[in-house]
């Protein structure tokens, strides 16, 4: 199942710092060695949102979400949704 980038971007932005750390740990436990996720919205084009991923192998190079392997992107989306929705149930 895939979601549109606006949904995933919004849910990611709503995560706390601790939840973002939990997300990275969850992804790493699945063999996805992401060390940083960057949410970006273009100032001159509101509404265009991106998530960029930094992998352990090359932590200086950002990979945009649309260039990820589809299976990796699917796992990332599911992990973001799970952590976000779990947060909502706890409040």
C-alpha atoms as a PDB file:
ATOM      1  CA  UNK A   1       0.000   0.000   0.000  1.00  0.00           C
ATOM      2  CA  UNK A   2       1.319   3.442  -0.838  1.00  0.00           C
ATOM      3  CA  UNK A   3       0.266   6.874   0.315  1.00  0.00           C
ATOM      4  CA  UNK A   4       0.704  10.241  -1.345  1.00  0.00           C
ATOM      5  CA  UNK A   5       3.743  12.259  -0.305  1.00  0.00           C
ATOM      6  CA  UNK A   6       1.626  14.981   1.336  1.00  0.00           C
ATOM      7  CA  UNK A   7       0.134  12.442   3.761  1.00  0.00           C
ATOM      8  CA  UNK A   8       3.484  10.884   4.635  1.00  0.00           C
ATOM      9  CA  UNK A   9       5.204  14.288   4.870  1.00  0.00           C
ATOM     10  CA  UNK A  10       2.512  15.622   7.232  1.00  0.00           C
ATOM     11  CA  UNK A  11       2.553  12.540   9.449  1.00  0.00           C
ATOM     12  CA  UNK A  12       6.360  12.612   9.606  1.00  0.00           C
ATOM     13  CA  UNK A  13       6.383  16.317  10.530  1.00  0.00           C
ATOM     14  CA  UNK A  14       3.942  15.595  13.379  1.00  0.00           C
ATOM     15  CA  UNK A  15       6.302  13.088  14.999  1.00  0.00           C
ATOM     16  CA  UNK A  16       8.221  14.176  18.074  1.00  0.00           C
ATOM     17  CA  UNK A  17      12.004  13.984  18.196  1.00  0.00           C
ATOM     18  CA  UNK A  18      11.745  10.786  20.245  1.00  0.00           C
ATOM     19  CA  UNK A  19       9.342   9.239  17.736  1.00  0.00           C
ATOM     20  CA  UNK A  20      11.665  10.163  14.867  1.00  0.00           C
ATOM     21  CA  UNK A  21      14.459   8.336  16.687  1.00  0.00           C
ATOM     22  CA  UNK A  22      12.128   5.354  17.135  1.00  0.00           C
ATOM     23  CA  UNK A  23      11.375   5.482  13.408  1.00  0.00           C
ATOM     24  CA  UNK A  24      15.078   5.360  12.500  1.00  0.00           C
ATOM     25  CA  UNK A  25      15.589   2.457  14.917  1.00  0.00           C
ATOM     26  CA  UNK A  26      12.581   0.597  13.464  1.00  0.00           C
ATOM     27  CA  UNK A  27      13.864   1.065   9.914  1.00  0.00           C
ATOM     28  CA  UNK A  28      17.385   0.005  10.860  1.00  0.00           C
ATOM     29  CA  UNK A  29      15.992  -3.146  12.488  1.00  0.00           C
ATOM     30  CA  UNK A  30      14.432  -3.953   9.090  1.00  0.00           C
ATOM     31  CA  UNK A  31      17.833  -3.591   7.408  1.00  0.00           C
ATOM     32  CA  UNK A  32      17.167  -0.073   6.072  1.00  0.00           C
ATOM     33  CA  UNK A  33      20.242   1.853   7.213  1.00  0.00           C
ATOM     34  CA  UNK A  34      18.816   5.362   7.227  1.00  0.00           C
ATOM     35  CA  UNK A  35      20.656   7.706   9.581  1.00  0.00           C
ATOM     36  CA  UNK A  36      18.667  10.888   8.894  1.00  0.00           C
ATOM     37  CA  UNK A  37      15.374  11.955   7.331  1.00  0.00           C
ATOM     38  CA  UNK A  38      14.876  15.513   6.159  1.00  0.00           C
ATOM     39  CA  UNK A  39      11.438  16.980   5.433  1.00  0.00           C
ATOM     40  CA  UNK A  40      11.534  19.842   2.965  1.00  0.00           C
ATOM     41  CA  UNK A  41       8.920  22.166   1.520  1.00  0.00           C
ATOM     42  CA  UNK A  42       9.927  24.556  -1.230  1.00  0.00           C
ATOM     43  CA  UNK A  43       9.448  28.174  -0.113  1.00  0.00           C
ATOM     44  CA  UNK A  44       8.841  29.389  -3.660  1.00  0.00           C
ATOM     45  CA  UNK A  45       6.398  26.564  -4.432  1.00  0.00           C
ATOM     46  CA  UNK A  46       4.158  25.944  -1.424  1.00  0.00           C
ATOM     47  CA  UNK A  47       2.571  22.545  -1.517  1.00  0.00           C
ATOM     48  CA  UNK A  48       5.569  20.796  -3.065  1.00  0.00           C
ATOM     49  CA  UNK A  49       6.919  18.600  -0.322  1.00  0.00           C
ATOM     50  CA  UNK A  50       9.753  16.116  -0.250  1.00  0.00           C
ATOM     51  CA  UNK A  51      11.368  13.719   2.134  1.00  0.00           C
ATOM     52  CA  UNK A  52      15.086  13.156   1.737  1.00  0.00           C
ATOM     53  CA  UNK A  53      16.895  10.154   3.192  1.00  0.00           C
ATOM     54  CA  UNK A  54      20.494   9.811   4.270  1.00  0.00           C
ATOM     55  CA  UNK A  55      21.906   6.302   4.389  1.00  0.00           C
ATOM     56  CA  UNK A  56      24.772   5.099   6.576  1.00  0.00           C
ATOM     57  CA  UNK A  57      26.868   4.125   3.560  1.00  0.00           C
ATOM     58  CA  UNK A  58      26.909   7.686   2.173  1.00  0.00           C
ATOM     59  CA  UNK A  59      25.500   9.970   4.858  1.00  0.00           C
ATOM     60  CA  UNK A  60      26.391  13.134   2.931  1.00  0.00           C
ATOM     61  CA  UNK A  61      24.209  12.292  -0.074  1.00  0.00           C
ATOM     62  CA  UNK A  62      20.461  12.874   0.206  1.00  0.00           C
ATOM     63  CA  UNK A  63      18.161  10.519  -1.696  1.00  0.00           C
ATOM     64  CA  UNK A  64      14.679  11.898  -2.462  1.00  0.00           C
ATOM     65  CA  UNK A  65      11.753   9.614  -1.642  1.00  0.00           C
ATOM     66  CA  UNK A  66      10.844   9.099  -5.304  1.00  0.00           C
ATOM     67  CA  UNK A  67      14.276   7.625  -6.080  1.00  0.00           C
ATOM     68  CA  UNK A  68      14.101   4.954  -3.382  1.00  0.00           C
ATOM     69  CA  UNK A  69      13.539   1.314  -4.181  1.00  0.00           C
ATOM     70  CA  UNK A  70       9.761   0.809  -4.108  1.00  0.00           C
ATOM     71  CA  UNK A  71       9.953  -1.859  -1.381  1.00  0.00           C
ATOM     72  CA  UNK A  72      12.106   0.393   0.821  1.00  0.00           C
ATOM     73  CA  UNK A  73       9.715   3.324   0.275  1.00  0.00           C
ATOM     74  CA  UNK A  74       6.763   1.106   1.176  1.00  0.00           C
ATOM     75  CA  UNK A  75       8.438   0.000   4.428  1.00  0.00           C
ATOM     76  CA  UNK A  76       9.281   3.598   5.307  1.00  0.00           C
ATOM     77  CA  UNK A  77       5.689   4.714   4.694  1.00  0.00           C
ATOM     78  CA  UNK A  78       4.268   1.904   6.826  1.00  0.00           C
ATOM     79  CA  UNK A  79       6.694   2.659   9.653  1.00  0.00           C
ATOM     80  CA  UNK A  80       5.805   6.365   9.638  1.00  0.00           C
ATOM     81  CA  UNK A  81       2.081   5.569   9.614  1.00  0.00           C
ATOM     82  CA  UNK A  82       2.441   3.027  12.450  1.00  0.00           C
ATOM     83  CA  UNK A  83       4.419   5.343  14.727  1.00  0.00           C
ATOM     84  CA  UNK A  84       2.156   8.300  13.961  1.00  0.00           C
ATOM     85  CA  UNK A  85      -1.060   6.359  14.494  1.00  0.00           C
ATOM     86  CA  UNK A  86       0.267   4.763  17.679  1.00  0.00           C
ATOM     87  CA  UNK A  87       0.917   8.291  18.988  1.00  0.00           C
ATOM     88  CA  UNK A  88      -2.694   9.263  18.257  1.00  0.00           C
ATOM     89  CA  UNK A  89      -4.026   6.252  20.168  1.00  0.00           C
ATOM     90  CA  UNK A  90      -1.938   7.204  23.190  1.00  0.00           C
ATOM     91  CA  UNK A  91      -3.352  10.744  23.425  1.00  0.00           C
END
